[in-house]
Full PDB file with SEQRES, HELIX, SHEET, SSBOND, CRYST1, ORIGX, SCALE, CONECT and MASTER records, all heavy atoms in Angstrom:
SEQRES   1 A   35  VAL ARG TYR TYR GLN ARG GLN ALA ALA TRP LEU THR ASP          
SEQRES   2 A   35  ARG PHE PRO ASN GLY THR LEU VAL ASP VAL PRO GLY LEU          
SEQRES   3 A   35  VAL MET LEU ALA ASP LYS LYS ASP ILE                          
HELIX    1 AA1 ARG A    2  ARG A   14  1                                  13    
CRYST1    1.000    1.000    1.000  90.00  90.00  90.00 P 1           1          
ORIGX1      1.000000  0.000000  0.000000        0.00000                         
ORIGX2      0.000000  1.000000  0.000000        0.00000                         
ORIGX3      0.000000  0.000000  1.000000        0.00000                         
SCALE1      1.000000  0.000000  0.000000        0.00000                         
SCALE2      0.000000  1.000000  0.000000        0.00000                         
SCALE3      0.000000  0.000000  1.000000        0.00000                         
ATOM      1  N   VAL A   1       0.827  -1.227   0.081  1.00  0.00           N  
ATOM      2  CA  VAL A   1      -0.018  -0.024  -0.020  1.00  0.00           C  
ATOM      3  C   VAL A   1       0.894   1.252   0.007  1.00  0.00           C  
ATOM      4  O   VAL A   1       0.663   2.166  -0.803  1.00  0.00           O  
ATOM      5  CB  VAL A   1      -0.931   0.027   1.246  1.00  0.00           C  
ATOM      6  CG1 VAL A   1      -1.733   1.379   1.305  1.00  0.00           C  
ATOM      7  CG2 VAL A   1      -1.963  -1.106   1.102  1.00  0.00           C  
ATOM      8  N   ARG A   2       1.872   1.236   0.923  1.00  0.00           N  
ATOM      9  CA  ARG A   2       2.871   2.375   0.981  1.00  0.00           C  
ATOM     10  C   ARG A   2       3.592   2.494  -0.244  1.00  0.00           C  
ATOM     11  O   ARG A   2       3.842   3.621  -0.865  1.00  0.00           O  
ATOM     12  CB  ARG A   2       3.738   2.221   2.222  1.00  0.00           C  
ATOM     13  CG  ARG A   2       2.968   2.292   3.500  1.00  0.00           C  
ATOM     14  CD  ARG A   2       3.851   2.282   4.752  1.00  0.00           C  
ATOM     15  NE  ARG A   2       4.791   3.322   4.696  1.00  0.00           N  
ATOM     16  CZ  ARG A   2       6.014   3.244   5.201  1.00  0.00           C  
ATOM     17  NH1 ARG A   2       6.447   2.034   5.578  1.00  0.00           N  
ATOM     18  NH2 ARG A   2       6.829   4.265   5.191  1.00  0.00           N  
ATOM     19  N   TYR A   3       4.036   1.416  -0.838  1.00  0.00           N  
ATOM     20  CA  TYR A   3       4.877   1.426  -2.037  1.00  0.00           C  
ATOM     21  C   TYR A   3       4.074   2.089  -3.227  1.00  0.00           C  
ATOM     22  O   TYR A   3       4.605   2.909  -3.911  1.00  0.00           O  
ATOM     23  CB  TYR A   3       5.314  -0.069  -2.484  1.00  0.00           C  
ATOM     24  CG  TYR A   3       5.993  -0.189  -3.815  1.00  0.00           C  
ATOM     25  CD1 TYR A   3       7.293   0.256  -3.899  1.00  0.00           C  
ATOM     26  CD2 TYR A   3       5.315  -0.486  -4.923  1.00  0.00           C  
ATOM     27  CE1 TYR A   3       7.888   0.162  -5.033  1.00  0.00           C  
ATOM     28  CE2 TYR A   3       5.806  -0.575  -6.131  1.00  0.00           C  
ATOM     29  CZ  TYR A   3       7.138  -0.182  -6.206  1.00  0.00           C  
ATOM     30  OH  TYR A   3       7.792  -0.435  -7.445  1.00  0.00           O  
ATOM     31  N   TYR A   4       2.940   1.566  -3.522  1.00  0.00           N  
ATOM     32  CA  TYR A   4       2.085   2.116  -4.571  1.00  0.00           C  
ATOM     33  C   TYR A   4       1.775   3.691  -4.424  1.00  0.00           C  
ATOM     34  O   TYR A   4       1.786   4.314  -5.279  1.00  0.00           O  
ATOM     35  CB  TYR A   4       0.899   1.281  -4.909  1.00  0.00           C  
ATOM     36  CG  TYR A   4       1.254   0.015  -5.518  1.00  0.00           C  
ATOM     37  CD1 TYR A   4       1.236  -1.237  -4.861  1.00  0.00           C  
ATOM     38  CD2 TYR A   4       1.913  -0.066  -6.754  1.00  0.00           C  
ATOM     39  CE1 TYR A   4       1.478  -2.443  -5.411  1.00  0.00           C  
ATOM     40  CE2 TYR A   4       2.293  -1.237  -7.345  1.00  0.00           C  
ATOM     41  CZ  TYR A   4       2.088  -2.442  -6.731  1.00  0.00           C  
ATOM     42  OH  TYR A   4       2.427  -3.584  -7.249  1.00  0.00           O  
ATOM     43  N   GLN A   5       1.570   3.973  -3.269  1.00  0.00           N  
ATOM     44  CA  GLN A   5       1.233   5.415  -2.950  1.00  0.00           C  
ATOM     45  C   GLN A   5       2.514   6.306  -3.275  1.00  0.00           C  
ATOM     46  O   GLN A   5       2.330   7.391  -3.852  1.00  0.00           O  
ATOM     47  CB  GLN A   5       0.778   5.624  -1.555  1.00  0.00           C  
ATOM     48  CG  GLN A   5       0.046   6.961  -1.255  1.00  0.00           C  
ATOM     49  CD  GLN A   5       1.185   8.111  -1.095  1.00  0.00           C  
ATOM     50  OE1 GLN A   5       2.289   7.898  -0.598  1.00  0.00           O  
ATOM     51  NE2 GLN A   5       0.731   9.273  -1.477  1.00  0.00           N  
ATOM     52  N   ARG A   6       3.629   5.805  -2.771  1.00  0.00           N  
ATOM     53  CA  ARG A   6       4.855   6.588  -2.920  1.00  0.00           C  
ATOM     54  C   ARG A   6       5.174   6.675  -4.476  1.00  0.00           C  
ATOM     55  O   ARG A   6       5.641   7.602  -5.016  1.00  0.00           O  
ATOM     56  CB  ARG A   6       5.983   5.965  -2.241  1.00  0.00           C  
ATOM     57  CG  ARG A   6       6.063   6.234  -0.771  1.00  0.00           C  
ATOM     58  CD  ARG A   6       7.272   5.971  -0.123  1.00  0.00           C  
ATOM     59  NE  ARG A   6       7.769   4.545  -0.343  1.00  0.00           N  
ATOM     60  CZ  ARG A   6       7.829   3.667   0.451  1.00  0.00           C  
ATOM     61  NH1 ARG A   6       7.364   3.754   1.796  1.00  0.00           N  
ATOM     62  NH2 ARG A   6       8.287   2.498   0.165  1.00  0.00           N  
ATOM     63  N   GLN A   7       4.956   5.487  -5.239  1.00  0.00           N  
ATOM     64  CA  GLN A   7       5.260   5.421  -6.607  1.00  0.00           C  
ATOM     65  C   GLN A   7       4.336   6.485  -7.420  1.00  0.00           C  
ATOM     66  O   GLN A   7       4.725   7.153  -8.338  1.00  0.00           O  
ATOM     67  CB  GLN A   7       5.101   4.135  -7.228  1.00  0.00           C  
ATOM     68  CG  GLN A   7       6.081   3.146  -6.716  1.00  0.00           C  
ATOM     69  CD  GLN A   7       7.579   3.607  -6.784  1.00  0.00           C  
ATOM     70  OE1 GLN A   7       7.993   4.009  -7.885  1.00  0.00           O  
ATOM     71  NE2 GLN A   7       8.342   3.602  -5.713  1.00  0.00           N  
ATOM     72  N   ALA A   8       3.081   6.556  -7.012  1.00  0.00           N  
ATOM     73  CA  ALA A   8       2.128   7.284  -7.669  1.00  0.00           C  
ATOM     74  C   ALA A   8       2.397   8.907  -7.242  1.00  0.00           C  
ATOM     75  O   ALA A   8       2.448   9.743  -8.138  1.00  0.00           O  
ATOM     76  CB  ALA A   8       0.632   7.108  -7.170  1.00  0.00           C  
ATOM     77  N   ALA A   9       2.887   9.017  -6.056  1.00  0.00           N  
ATOM     78  CA  ALA A   9       3.286  10.444  -5.707  1.00  0.00           C  
ATOM     79  C   ALA A   9       4.619  10.818  -6.540  1.00  0.00           C  
ATOM     80  O   ALA A   9       4.723  11.932  -6.946  1.00  0.00           O  
ATOM     81  CB  ALA A   9       3.536  10.587  -4.269  1.00  0.00           C  
ATOM     82  N   TRP A  10       5.478   9.865  -6.728  1.00  0.00           N  
ATOM     83  CA  TRP A  10       6.728  10.199  -7.355  1.00  0.00           C  
ATOM     84  C   TRP A  10       6.363  10.577  -8.895  1.00  0.00           C  
ATOM     85  O   TRP A  10       6.827  11.440  -9.395  1.00  0.00           O  
ATOM     86  CB  TRP A  10       7.532   8.905  -7.409  1.00  0.00           C  
ATOM     87  CG  TRP A  10       9.020   9.000  -7.947  1.00  0.00           C  
ATOM     88  CD1 TRP A  10      10.112   9.403  -7.378  1.00  0.00           C  
ATOM     89  CD2 TRP A  10       9.345   8.751  -9.421  1.00  0.00           C  
ATOM     90  NE1 TRP A  10      11.099   9.467  -8.260  1.00  0.00           N  
ATOM     91  CE2 TRP A  10      10.687   8.991  -9.506  1.00  0.00           C  
ATOM     92  CE3 TRP A  10       8.573   8.352 -10.390  1.00  0.00           C  
ATOM     93  CZ2 TRP A  10      11.386   8.884 -10.730  1.00  0.00           C  
ATOM     94  CZ3 TRP A  10       9.370   8.222 -11.745  1.00  0.00           C  
ATOM     95  CH2 TRP A  10      10.675   8.465 -11.716  1.00  0.00           C  
ATOM     96  N   LEU A  11       5.509   9.837  -9.436  1.00  0.00           N  
ATOM     97  CA  LEU A  11       5.106  10.114 -10.911  1.00  0.00           C  
ATOM     98  C   LEU A  11       4.432  11.362 -10.975  1.00  0.00           C  
ATOM     99  O   LEU A  11       4.559  12.136 -11.912  1.00  0.00           O  
ATOM    100  CB  LEU A  11       4.204   8.979 -11.400  1.00  0.00           C  
ATOM    101  CG  LEU A  11       4.967   7.690 -12.001  1.00  0.00           C  
ATOM    102  CD1 LEU A  11       3.922   6.644 -12.262  1.00  0.00           C  
ATOM    103  CD2 LEU A  11       5.762   8.028 -13.191  1.00  0.00           C  
ATOM    104  N   THR A  12       3.379  11.671 -10.098  1.00  0.00           N  
ATOM    105  CA  THR A  12       2.630  12.879 -10.192  1.00  0.00           C  
ATOM    106  C   THR A  12       3.540  14.178  -9.806  1.00  0.00           C  
ATOM    107  O   THR A  12       3.145  15.194 -10.333  1.00  0.00           O  
ATOM    108  CB  THR A  12       1.429  12.949  -9.228  1.00  0.00           C  
ATOM    109  OG1 THR A  12       1.720  12.655  -7.984  1.00  0.00           O  
ATOM    110  CG2 THR A  12       0.431  11.809  -9.812  1.00  0.00           C  
ATOM    111  N   ASP A  13       4.504  13.982  -9.067  1.00  0.00           N  
ATOM    112  CA  ASP A  13       5.431  15.030  -8.764  1.00  0.00           C  
ATOM    113  C   ASP A  13       6.197  15.347 -10.018  1.00  0.00           C  
ATOM    114  O   ASP A  13       6.539  16.584 -10.323  1.00  0.00           O  
ATOM    115  CB  ASP A  13       6.459  14.705  -7.540  1.00  0.00           C  
ATOM    116  CG  ASP A  13       5.936  14.747  -6.303  1.00  0.00           C  
ATOM    117  OD1 ASP A  13       4.743  15.298  -6.172  1.00  0.00           O  
ATOM    118  OD2 ASP A  13       6.520  14.366  -5.376  1.00  0.00           O  
ATOM    119  N   ARG A  14       6.704  14.484 -10.835  1.00  0.00           N  
ATOM    120  CA  ARG A  14       7.542  14.674 -11.903  1.00  0.00           C  
ATOM    121  C   ARG A  14       6.705  15.021 -13.221  1.00  0.00           C  
ATOM    122  O   ARG A  14       7.213  15.734 -14.105  1.00  0.00           O  
ATOM    123  CB  ARG A  14       8.353  13.436 -12.174  1.00  0.00           C  
ATOM    124  CG  ARG A  14       9.597  13.477 -11.258  1.00  0.00           C  
ATOM    125  CD  ARG A  14      10.180  12.070 -10.965  1.00  0.00           C  
ATOM    126  NE  ARG A  14      11.243  12.197 -10.008  1.00  0.00           N  
ATOM    127  CZ  ARG A  14      10.995  12.187  -8.639  1.00  0.00           C  
ATOM    128  NH1 ARG A  14       9.778  12.112  -8.239  1.00  0.00           N  
ATOM    129  NH2 ARG A  14      11.941  12.092  -7.824  1.00  0.00           N  
ATOM    130  N   PHE A  15       5.494  14.406 -13.329  1.00  0.00           N  
ATOM    131  CA  PHE A  15       4.666  14.728 -14.393  1.00  0.00           C  
ATOM    132  C   PHE A  15       3.331  15.120 -14.055  1.00  0.00           C  
ATOM    133  O   PHE A  15       2.279  14.462 -14.255  1.00  0.00           O  
ATOM    134  CB  PHE A  15       4.528  13.428 -15.259  1.00  0.00           C  
ATOM    135  CG  PHE A  15       5.800  12.892 -15.557  1.00  0.00           C  
ATOM    136  CD1 PHE A  15       6.459  11.734 -14.933  1.00  0.00           C  
ATOM    137  CD2 PHE A  15       6.724  13.464 -16.631  1.00  0.00           C  
ATOM    138  CE1 PHE A  15       7.640  11.192 -15.392  1.00  0.00           C  
ATOM    139  CE2 PHE A  15       7.922  12.921 -17.001  1.00  0.00           C  
ATOM    140  CZ  PHE A  15       8.477  11.782 -16.348  1.00  0.00           C  
ATOM    141  N   PRO A  16       3.079  16.306 -13.280  1.00  0.00           N  
ATOM    142  CA  PRO A  16       1.804  16.804 -12.764  1.00  0.00           C  
ATOM    143  C   PRO A  16       0.813  17.011 -13.781  1.00  0.00           C  
ATOM    144  O   PRO A  16      -0.402  16.935 -13.611  1.00  0.00           O  
ATOM    145  CB  PRO A  16       2.230  17.933 -12.053  1.00  0.00           C  
ATOM    146  CG  PRO A  16       3.522  18.631 -12.618  1.00  0.00           C  
ATOM    147  CD  PRO A  16       4.238  17.270 -13.081  1.00  0.00           C  
ATOM    148  N   ASN A  17       1.229  17.324 -14.993  1.00  0.00           N  
ATOM    149  CA  ASN A  17       0.137  17.521 -16.060  1.00  0.00           C  
ATOM    150  C   ASN A  17      -0.105  16.387 -16.850  1.00  0.00           C  
ATOM    151  O   ASN A  17      -0.916  16.423 -17.786  1.00  0.00           O  
ATOM    152  CB  ASN A  17       0.570  18.709 -16.984  1.00  0.00           C  
ATOM    153  CG  ASN A  17       0.776  20.003 -16.190  1.00  0.00           C  
ATOM    154  OD1 ASN A  17      -0.024  20.232 -15.252  1.00  0.00           O  
ATOM    155  ND2 ASN A  17       1.825  20.765 -16.479  1.00  0.00           N  
ATOM    156  N   GLY A  18       0.461  15.238 -16.500  1.00  0.00           N  
ATOM    157  CA  GLY A  18       0.218  14.049 -17.209  1.00  0.00           C  
ATOM    158  C   GLY A  18       0.853  14.028 -18.633  1.00  0.00           C  
ATOM    159  O   GLY A  18       0.392  13.222 -19.512  1.00  0.00           O  
ATOM    160  N   THR A  19       1.810  14.812 -18.891  1.00  0.00           N  
ATOM    161  CA  THR A  19       2.528  14.761 -20.122  1.00  0.00           C  
ATOM    162  C   THR A  19       3.934  14.625 -19.932  1.00  0.00           C  
ATOM    163  O   THR A  19       4.566  14.919 -18.912  1.00  0.00           O  
ATOM    164  CB  THR A  19       2.368  16.166 -20.847  1.00  0.00           C  
ATOM    165  OG1 THR A  19       2.863  17.271 -20.005  1.00  0.00           O  
ATOM    166  CG2 THR A  19       0.843  16.434 -21.151  1.00  0.00           C  
ATOM    167  N   LEU A  20       4.663  14.065 -20.885  1.00  0.00           N  
ATOM    168  CA  LEU A  20       6.089  13.747 -20.844  1.00  0.00           C  
ATOM    169  C   LEU A  20       6.815  15.138 -20.931  1.00  0.00           C  
ATOM    170  O   LEU A  20       6.756  15.848 -21.863  1.00  0.00           O  
ATOM    171  CB  LEU A  20       6.515  12.844 -22.035  1.00  0.00           C  
ATOM    172  CG  LEU A  20       7.892  12.331 -22.020  1.00  0.00           C  
ATOM    173  CD1 LEU A  20       8.197  11.455 -20.739  1.00  0.00           C  
ATOM    174  CD2 LEU A  20       8.184  11.422 -23.204  1.00  0.00           C  
ATOM    175  N   VAL A  21       7.738  15.342 -19.958  1.00  0.00           N  
ATOM    176  CA  VAL A  21       8.593  16.507 -19.918  1.00  0.00           C  
ATOM    177  C   VAL A  21       9.944  16.064 -19.528  1.00  0.00           C  
ATOM    178  O   VAL A  21      10.134  15.015 -19.008  1.00  0.00           O  
ATOM    179  CB  VAL A  21       8.044  17.585 -18.907  1.00  0.00           C  
ATOM    180  CG1 VAL A  21       6.710  18.118 -19.355  1.00  0.00           C  
ATOM    181  CG2 VAL A  21       8.086  16.993 -17.555  1.00  0.00           C  
ATOM    182  N   ASP A  22      10.940  16.926 -19.832  1.00  0.00           N  
ATOM    183  CA  ASP A  22      12.279  16.671 -19.418  1.00  0.00           C  
ATOM    184  C   ASP A  22      12.457  16.618 -17.924  1.00  0.00           C  
ATOM    185  O   ASP A  22      12.003  17.483 -17.221  1.00  0.00           O  
ATOM    186  CB  ASP A  22      13.325  17.719 -19.967  1.00  0.00           C  
ATOM    187  CG  ASP A  22      13.347  17.634 -21.422  1.00  0.00           C  
ATOM    188  OD1 ASP A  22      12.955  16.657 -22.037  1.00  0.00           O  
ATOM    189  OD2 ASP A  22      14.005  18.622 -21.989  1.00  0.00           O  
ATOM    190  N   VAL A  23      13.043  15.556 -17.411  1.00  0.00           N  
ATOM    191  CA  VAL A  23      13.369  15.323 -16.012  1.00  0.00           C  
ATOM    192  C   VAL A  23      14.838  14.894 -15.977  1.00  0.00           C  
ATOM    193  O   VAL A  23      15.100  13.822 -16.387  1.00  0.00           O  
ATOM    194  CB  VAL A  23      12.488  14.256 -15.415  1.00  0.00           C  
ATOM    195  CG1 VAL A  23      12.845  14.050 -13.848  1.00  0.00           C  
ATOM    196  CG2 VAL A  23      10.978  14.706 -15.513  1.00  0.00           C  
ATOM    197  N   PRO A  24      15.627  15.786 -15.343  1.00  0.00           N  
ATOM    198  CA  PRO A  24      17.062  15.497 -15.241  1.00  0.00           C  
ATOM    199  C   PRO A  24      17.302  14.031 -14.558  1.00  0.00           C  
ATOM    200  O   PRO A  24      16.747  13.799 -13.563  1.00  0.00           O  
ATOM    201  CB  PRO A  24      17.679  16.487 -14.352  1.00  0.00           C  
ATOM    202  CG  PRO A  24      16.642  17.681 -14.548  1.00  0.00           C  
ATOM    203  CD  PRO A  24      15.325  17.033 -14.730  1.00  0.00           C  
ATOM    204  N   GLY A  25      18.162  13.225 -15.290  1.00  0.00           N  
ATOM    205  CA  GLY A  25      18.504  11.911 -14.790  1.00  0.00           C  
ATOM    206  C   GLY A  25      17.398  10.931 -15.084  1.00  0.00           C  
ATOM    207  O   GLY A  25      17.587   9.698 -14.858  1.00  0.00           O  
ATOM    208  N   LEU A  26      16.314  11.355 -15.710  1.00  0.00           N  
ATOM    209  CA  LEU A  26      15.274  10.269 -15.929  1.00  0.00           C  
ATOM    210  C   LEU A  26      14.922  10.269 -17.458  1.00  0.00           C  
ATOM    211  O   LEU A  26      14.862   9.207 -18.074  1.00  0.00           O  
ATOM    212  CB  LEU A  26      14.021  10.604 -15.134  1.00  0.00           C  
ATOM    213  CG  LEU A  26      12.849   9.730 -15.348  1.00  0.00           C  
ATOM    214  CD1 LEU A  26      13.146   8.354 -14.904  1.00  0.00           C  
ATOM    215  CD2 LEU A  26      11.596  10.294 -14.605  1.00  0.00           C  
ATOM    216  N   VAL A  27      14.388  11.411 -17.970  1.00  0.00           N  
ATOM    217  CA  VAL A  27      13.883  11.433 -19.463  1.00  0.00           C  
ATOM    218  C   VAL A  27      14.261  12.806 -20.001  1.00  0.00           C  
ATOM    219  O   VAL A  27      14.317  13.796 -19.377  1.00  0.00           O  
ATOM    220  CB  VAL A  27      12.503  11.108 -19.472  1.00  0.00           C  
ATOM    221  CG1 VAL A  27      11.665  12.231 -18.772  1.00  0.00           C  
ATOM    222  CG2 VAL A  27      11.975  10.985 -20.866  1.00  0.00           C  
ATOM    223  N   MET A  28      14.632  12.788 -21.351  1.00  0.00           N  
ATOM    224  CA  MET A  28      14.641  13.974 -22.080  1.00  0.00           C  
ATOM    225  C   MET A  28      13.954  13.706 -23.539  1.00  0.00           C  
ATOM    226  O   MET A  28      14.211  12.724 -24.109  1.00  0.00           O  
ATOM    227  CB  MET A  28      16.148  14.288 -22.320  1.00  0.00           C  
ATOM    228  CG  MET A  28      16.371  15.468 -23.137  1.00  0.00           C  
ATOM    229  SD  MET A  28      18.106  15.704 -23.533  1.00  0.00           S  
ATOM    230  CE  MET A  28      18.018  16.770 -25.015  1.00  0.00           C  
ATOM    231  N   LEU A  29      13.200  14.727 -23.847  1.00  0.00           N  
ATOM    232  CA  LEU A  29      12.684  14.659 -25.254  1.00  0.00           C  
ATOM    233  C   LEU A  29      13.698  15.079 -26.256  1.00  0.00           C  
ATOM    234  O   LEU A  29      14.082  16.248 -26.189  1.00  0.00           O  
ATOM    235  CB  LEU A  29      11.450  15.535 -25.224  1.00  0.00           C  
ATOM    236  CG  LEU A  29      10.330  15.181 -24.260  1.00  0.00           C  
ATOM    237  CD1 LEU A  29       9.228  16.296 -24.271  1.00  0.00           C  
ATOM    238  CD2 LEU A  29       9.739  13.934 -24.678  1.00  0.00           C  
ATOM    239  N   ALA A  30      14.089  14.217 -26.944  1.00  0.00           N  
ATOM    240  CA  ALA A  30      15.249  14.476 -27.910  1.00  0.00           C  
ATOM    241  C   ALA A  30      14.683  14.364 -29.395  1.00  0.00           C  
ATOM    242  O   ALA A  30      13.896  13.461 -29.754  1.00  0.00           O  
ATOM    243  CB  ALA A  30      16.399  13.558 -27.799  1.00  0.00           C  
ATOM    244  N   ASP A  31      15.064  15.379 -30.259  1.00  0.00           N  
ATOM    245  CA  ASP A  31      14.700  15.360 -31.634  1.00  0.00           C  
ATOM    246  C   ASP A  31      15.962  14.878 -32.411  1.00  0.00           C  
ATOM    247  O   ASP A  31      16.992  14.639 -31.805  1.00  0.00           O  
ATOM    248  CB  ASP A  31      14.082  16.610 -32.099  1.00  0.00           C  
ATOM    249  CG  ASP A  31      15.123  17.841 -31.796  1.00  0.00           C  
ATOM    250  OD1 ASP A  31      16.249  17.586 -31.611  1.00  0.00           O  
ATOM    251  OD2 ASP A  31      14.661  18.870 -31.876  1.00  0.00           O  
ATOM    252  N   LYS A  32      15.818  14.877 -33.750  1.00  0.00           N  
ATOM    253  CA  LYS A  32      16.877  14.476 -34.554  1.00  0.00           C  
ATOM    254  C   LYS A  32      18.086  15.330 -34.447  1.00  0.00           C  
ATOM    255  O   LYS A  32      19.180  14.808 -34.492  1.00  0.00           O  
ATOM    256  CB  LYS A  32      16.334  14.503 -36.009  1.00  0.00           C  
ATOM    257  CG  LYS A  32      17.135  13.696 -36.945  1.00  0.00           C  
ATOM    258  CD  LYS A  32      16.445  13.566 -38.380  1.00  0.00           C  
ATOM    259  CE  LYS A  32      17.255  12.671 -39.332  1.00  0.00           C  
ATOM    260  NZ  LYS A  32      16.595  12.604 -40.599  1.00  0.00           N  
ATOM    261  N   LYS A  33      17.855  16.609 -34.234  1.00  0.00           N  
ATOM    262  CA  LYS A  33      18.976  17.612 -34.096  1.00  0.00           C  
ATOM    263  C   LYS A  33      19.808  17.274 -32.896  1.00  0.00           C  
ATOM    264  O   LYS A  33      21.013  17.257 -32.888  1.00  0.00           O  
ATOM    265  CB  LYS A  33      18.442  19.009 -34.017  1.00  0.00           C  
ATOM    266  CG  LYS A  33      19.554  20.101 -34.005  1.00  0.00           C  
ATOM    267  CD  LYS A  33      18.853  21.396 -34.049  1.00  0.00           C  
ATOM    268  CE  LYS A  33      19.883  22.529 -33.925  1.00  0.00           C  
ATOM    269  NZ  LYS A  33      19.352  23.784 -33.826  1.00  0.00           N  
ATOM    270  N   ASP A  34      19.115  16.881 -31.725  1.00  0.00           N  
ATOM    271  CA  ASP A  34      19.805  16.620 -30.517  1.00  0.00           C  
ATOM    272  C   ASP A  34      20.617  15.287 -30.633  1.00  0.00           C  
ATOM    273  O   ASP A  34      21.786  15.310 -30.217  1.00  0.00           O  
ATOM    274  CB  ASP A  34      18.783  16.358 -29.378  1.00  0.00           C  
ATOM    275  CG  ASP A  34      18.093  17.631 -28.928  1.00  0.00           C  
ATOM    276  OD1 ASP A  34      18.656  18.607 -28.996  1.00  0.00           O  
ATOM    277  OD2 ASP A  34      16.984  17.536 -28.483  1.00  0.00           O  
ATOM    278  N   ILE A  35      20.054  14.372 -31.314  1.00  0.00           N  
ATOM    279  CA  ILE A  35      20.790  13.054 -31.531  1.00  0.00           C  
ATOM    280  C   ILE A  35      22.056  13.344 -32.480  1.00  0.00           C  
ATOM    281  O   ILE A  35      23.003  12.718 -32.125  1.00  0.00           O  
ATOM    282  CB  ILE A  35      19.833  11.990 -32.106  1.00  0.00           C  
ATOM    283  CG1 ILE A  35      18.721  11.780 -31.192  1.00  0.00           C  
ATOM    284  CG2 ILE A  35      20.590  10.830 -32.574  1.00  0.00           C  
ATOM    285  CD1 ILE A  35      17.576  10.970 -31.754  1.00  0.00           C  
TER     286      ILE A  35                                                      
MASTER        0    0    0    1    0    0    0    6  285    1    0    3          
END                                                                             
């Protein structure tokens, strides 16, 4: 119960609008130019 609540809080803290955004150390939206 505690694990799933913490995981949900972790996700909603990083992606509060429910969209993929750059998060240092986790994800970056890269286009062809970045690559």
